[in-house]
Structures are given as C-alpha cells and as structure tokens.
Amino acid sequence: CFLLTVMAYDRYVAICNPLRYPLVMNQRVCYQLVIGCWTSGIPAQIGQTSQIFSLSFCGSNQINHFFCDIPPVLHLACGDIFVNEMLVFLGALIFVLVPFLLIVFSYSKIISTVLKLPSATSQAKAFSTCSSHLAVVILLFGSAIITYYRTNTSHSGETDKILSLFYTVVTPMFNPLVYTLRNQDVTIALKKFLCKQF
C-alpha cells in the first residue's frame, strides 16, 4: 500500500510539477521512499504477531482460509478478542485507508492538472501514464478495504477467501502484466504472437 502511494506521489510530481521532477524525485529520495515503505511495515507485523501469540487457543486449530490472515486466526482464540480486533482495525486504518486517501488526493490533483492541458492528445498521454497504476490500486485497495472494513455480521468465510486471493495473489500476478503492456515493444510482440497462434 505504501509503495503504491509513493508511485502515486511520483506521478503527481511528474504531471503537476514536471520541471521540478528531477529535483524532487532524485535517486536519493527514491531510495529513501522505498526503504521507508519496506521498513515501516516491520514493527506493525511484529506487534500483531506477538499480540496473537499472547492469546489462548482452546478449540480447533484449523483455519478456514488459504493462509494465516489475522482475522481468521483471531476467531479461533478463546475469550474476549475485542481489543485485538480494534488493533487490527487500527492497523488497517493506518496501512490501508490512509495510503488510499493519499492516492485519491494525488489523483484528484493529477486529474485537475490534466484537464487544464490544452490538447486532447496531451490529456490522453497523461492519463495513459496513470492507467496501469490505477488498475493495480483498484484491485489491491478494493479487495483489502472490503475485507478489513466489513462488519462482523457480513463476514463470510468463502467471500474472505476470494477477496484475500485478490490482494495476495491476483494483484501481484497482474503487476508485471499491467506494467509491461504499457511498453510498445511488448505490445507489438504480443500482437504478433497472438496473430500466429490464431
């Protein structure tokens, strides 16, 4: 989520402040942003893991899920898990909703700037640079927000499994595909390949 937010910021600077782009997004800043994205999640994951290990479990040890996601594990715990659920909600707020709102803010500025461009060709080119990123954002954040911000009464084990597949498997699988299809050489090679096959 943080990496997608940084990518939205990169597009914001490139489209809204193109002359300042080399100064703002220099190599040092890019390294700092990437390292910050990767290291910021570590304390949260360690905290959530230690919190779960402090719970007592007294029933079935089988999770109705594809992987050990926190909400399904919490439902196996004995006793009151309200505090744990609130911490998961808070984590989702910080790591999902805040980045999503920052991306929405970046794209509102981008759209405002693009609509002021004089030619339709310039507008189309600017929007095309954002299309792949937006596709990944919608897939990842859509499934994650639905998964972590639904009420407990609307939770279904099967729906949770399907949604979790989107943000853990489908989105990462589509990332290379979505971003390489923007490359004209890849698109031309794919068209030639498909024409030979059919």
Protein backbone atom coordinates (compact mmCIF):
# COMPACT_ATOMS: atom_id res chain seq x y z
CA CYS A 1 0.00 0.00 0.00
CA PHE A 2 2.83 2.39 0.85
CA LEU A 3 4.65 1.58 -2.40
CA LEU A 4 1.51 2.33 -4.41
CA THR A 5 1.19 5.60 -2.50
CA VAL A 6 4.78 6.51 -3.38
CA MET A 7 4.06 5.65 -7.02
CA ALA A 8 1.03 7.97 -6.94
CA TYR A 9 3.22 10.73 -5.49
CA ASP A 10 5.76 10.10 -8.29
CA ARG A 11 3.02 10.54 -10.91
CA TYR A 12 1.73 13.61 -9.11
CA VAL A 13 5.16 15.26 -9.26
CA ALA A 14 5.72 14.16 -12.89
CA ILE A 15 2.40 15.55 -14.11
CA CYS A 16 1.74 18.51 -11.81
CA ASN A 17 5.36 19.75 -11.44
CA PRO A 18 7.24 18.32 -14.45
CA LEU A 19 10.04 20.91 -14.37
CA ARG A 20 10.82 20.13 -10.73
CA TYR A 21 10.60 16.34 -11.18
CA PRO A 22 14.36 15.64 -11.46
CA LEU A 23 14.99 17.76 -8.38
CA VAL A 24 12.16 16.34 -6.24
CA MET A 25 12.40 12.67 -7.27
CA ASN A 26 16.16 12.25 -7.37
CA GLN A 27 17.82 8.89 -6.74
CA ARG A 28 18.45 9.55 -3.04
CA VAL A 29 14.79 10.43 -2.42
CA CYS A 30 13.65 7.34 -4.33
CA TYR A 31 15.87 5.10 -2.19
CA GLN A 32 14.60 6.74 0.99
CA LEU A 33 10.97 6.30 -0.05
CA VAL A 34 11.42 2.63 -0.93
CA ILE A 35 13.35 1.84 2.26
CA GLY A 36 10.73 3.74 4.28
CA CYS A 37 7.92 1.72 2.67
CA TRP A 38 9.57 -1.60 3.38
CA THR A 39 10.73 -0.87 6.93
CA SER A 40 7.55 0.84 8.14
CA GLY A 41 5.56 -2.38 7.99
CA ILE A 42 8.03 -4.43 10.03
CA PRO A 43 7.16 -3.05 13.52
CA ALA A 44 3.44 -3.39 12.84
CA GLN A 45 3.77 -7.01 11.73
CA ILE A 46 5.99 -7.90 14.69
CA GLY A 47 3.48 -6.23 17.03
CA GLN A 48 0.48 -8.04 15.54
CA THR A 49 2.29 -11.38 15.57
CA SER A 50 3.36 -11.05 19.22
CA GLN A 51 -0.17 -9.94 20.11
CA ILE A 52 -1.65 -13.06 18.52
CA PHE A 53 0.87 -15.33 20.29
CA SER A 54 -0.22 -13.84 23.60
CA LEU A 55 -3.80 -15.13 23.08
CA SER A 56 -5.01 -18.50 24.31
CA PHE A 57 -6.45 -21.01 21.86
CA CYS A 58 -8.60 -23.85 23.11
CA GLY A 59 -10.59 -25.27 20.22
CA SER A 60 -9.95 -26.25 16.66
CA ASN A 61 -6.59 -25.32 15.20
CA GLN A 62 -7.81 -25.36 11.60
CA ILE A 63 -8.21 -22.01 9.88
CA ASN A 64 -10.92 -21.72 7.23
CA HIS A 65 -8.61 -19.75 4.96
CA PHE A 66 -5.74 -20.05 2.46
CA PHE A 67 -3.17 -18.52 4.80
CA CYS A 68 -2.84 -17.33 8.40
CA ASP A 69 -4.52 -13.97 7.99
CA ILE A 70 -5.12 -12.21 11.30
CA PRO A 71 -8.95 -12.11 11.45
CA PRO A 72 -9.42 -15.87 10.87
CA VAL A 73 -6.74 -16.64 13.48
CA LEU A 74 -8.43 -14.28 15.97
CA HIS A 75 -11.71 -16.16 15.53
CA LEU A 76 -10.00 -19.33 16.80
CA ALA A 77 -8.96 -17.64 20.06
CA CYS A 78 -10.76 -18.19 23.35
CA GLY A 79 -12.01 -15.29 25.39
CA ASP A 80 -12.58 -11.66 24.53
CA ILE A 81 -10.81 -10.52 21.36
CA PHE A 82 -12.35 -7.04 21.15
CA VAL A 83 -9.03 -5.25 21.82
CA ASN A 84 -7.29 -7.44 19.24
CA GLU A 85 -9.97 -6.70 16.64
CA MET A 86 -9.66 -2.97 17.34
CA LEU A 87 -5.88 -3.18 16.85
CA VAL A 88 -6.41 -4.98 13.52
CA PHE A 89 -8.90 -2.26 12.56
CA LEU A 90 -6.39 0.44 13.57
CA GLY A 91 -3.64 -1.30 11.57
CA ALA A 92 -5.89 -1.48 8.53
CA LEU A 93 -6.71 2.19 9.00
CA ILE A 94 -3.03 3.18 9.04
CA PHE A 95 -1.76 0.77 6.38
CA VAL A 96 -4.74 0.66 4.00
CA LEU A 97 -7.10 3.60 4.40
CA VAL A 98 -4.53 6.39 4.92
CA PRO A 99 -2.47 5.37 1.85
CA PHE A 100 -5.69 5.02 -0.16
CA LEU A 101 -6.78 8.55 0.81
CA LEU A 102 -3.33 9.91 -0.11
CA ILE A 103 -3.62 8.23 -3.52
CA VAL A 104 -7.10 9.70 -4.02
CA PHE A 105 -5.72 13.15 -3.11
CA SER A 106 -2.80 12.73 -5.55
CA TYR A 107 -5.10 11.67 -8.36
CA SER A 108 -7.54 14.50 -7.71
CA LYS A 109 -4.63 16.92 -8.22
CA ILE A 110 -3.45 14.97 -11.28
CA ILE A 111 -6.92 14.98 -12.87
CA SER A 112 -7.31 18.68 -12.16
CA THR A 113 -3.96 19.41 -13.84
CA VAL A 114 -4.58 17.10 -16.82
CA LEU A 115 -7.97 18.63 -17.56
CA LYS A 116 -6.25 22.03 -17.88
CA LEU A 117 -3.90 20.74 -20.61
CA PRO A 118 -4.67 22.41 -23.97
CA SER A 119 -4.82 19.39 -26.29
CA ALA A 120 -6.72 16.12 -26.11
CA THR A 121 -3.53 14.30 -27.14
CA SER A 122 -1.66 15.68 -24.12
CA GLN A 123 -4.54 14.71 -21.85
CA ALA A 124 -4.67 11.17 -23.27
CA LYS A 125 -0.91 10.76 -22.87
CA ALA A 126 -1.02 11.97 -19.26
CA PHE A 127 -3.94 9.70 -18.40
CA SER A 128 -2.26 6.71 -20.08
CA THR A 129 0.76 7.06 -17.78
CA CYS A 130 -1.60 6.61 -14.81
CA SER A 131 -3.86 3.86 -16.14
CA SER A 132 -1.71 0.87 -15.12
CA HIS A 133 -1.14 2.24 -11.64
CA LEU A 134 -4.86 2.93 -11.22
CA ALA A 135 -5.73 -0.63 -12.27
CA VAL A 136 -3.42 -2.08 -9.61
CA VAL A 137 -4.68 0.40 -6.99
CA ILE A 138 -8.31 -0.53 -7.64
CA LEU A 139 -7.58 -4.27 -7.46
CA LEU A 140 -5.50 -4.11 -4.28
CA PHE A 141 -7.29 -1.45 -2.29
CA GLY A 142 -10.76 -2.51 -3.39
CA SER A 143 -10.34 -6.05 -2.11
CA ALA A 144 -8.39 -5.01 1.02
CA ILE A 145 -10.88 -2.32 2.06
CA ILE A 146 -13.83 -4.66 1.54
CA THR A 147 -12.07 -7.41 3.52
CA TYR A 148 -10.96 -5.35 6.53
CA TYR A 149 -13.76 -2.80 6.81
CA ARG A 150 -16.82 -5.03 6.66
CA THR A 151 -18.83 -5.62 9.79
CA ASN A 152 -18.50 -9.00 11.52
CA THR A 153 -22.11 -9.85 10.68
CA SER A 154 -21.44 -9.55 6.93
CA HIS A 155 -18.32 -11.77 7.05
CA SER A 156 -18.45 -14.97 5.07
CA GLY A 157 -15.56 -17.43 5.08
CA GLU A 158 -15.81 -18.08 1.36
CA THR A 159 -16.02 -14.37 0.48
CA ASP A 160 -12.99 -13.64 2.69
CA LYS A 161 -11.01 -16.33 0.90
CA ILE A 162 -11.87 -14.97 -2.54
CA LEU A 163 -11.11 -11.38 -1.55
CA SER A 164 -7.83 -12.40 0.06
CA LEU A 165 -6.82 -14.08 -3.19
CA PHE A 166 -7.16 -10.73 -4.93
CA TYR A 167 -4.80 -8.79 -2.68
CA THR A 168 -2.31 -11.62 -2.08
CA VAL A 169 -2.19 -13.47 -5.42
CA VAL A 170 -4.12 -11.79 -8.25
CA THR A 171 -2.80 -8.24 -7.78
CA PRO A 172 0.90 -9.25 -7.56
CA MET A 173 0.38 -11.60 -10.51
CA PHE A 174 -1.15 -8.83 -12.63
CA ASN A 175 1.52 -6.24 -11.69
CA PRO A 176 4.12 -7.34 -14.27
CA LEU A 177 1.42 -7.87 -16.90
CA VAL A 178 -0.21 -4.48 -16.35
CA TYR A 179 3.07 -2.57 -16.36
CA THR A 180 4.69 -4.40 -19.31
CA LEU A 181 1.66 -3.93 -21.56
CA ARG A 182 2.41 -0.20 -21.46
CA ASN A 183 5.68 -0.93 -23.27
CA GLN A 184 5.08 -0.65 -27.04
CA ASP A 185 7.67 -3.31 -27.90
CA VAL A 186 5.95 -5.81 -25.60
CA THR A 187 2.53 -4.93 -27.02
CA ILE A 188 3.74 -5.38 -30.63
CA ALA A 189 5.42 -8.71 -29.77
CA LEU A 190 2.25 -9.91 -28.02
CA LYS A 191 0.10 -8.99 -31.04
CA LYS A 192 2.46 -10.85 -33.39
CA PHE A 193 2.42 -13.89 -31.10
CA LEU A 194 -1.37 -13.91 -30.86
CA CYS A 195 -1.77 -13.50 -34.64
CA LYS A 196 0.47 -16.54 -35.24
CA GLN A 197 -1.49 -18.62 -32.74
CA PHE A 198 -4.92 -17.82 -34.16
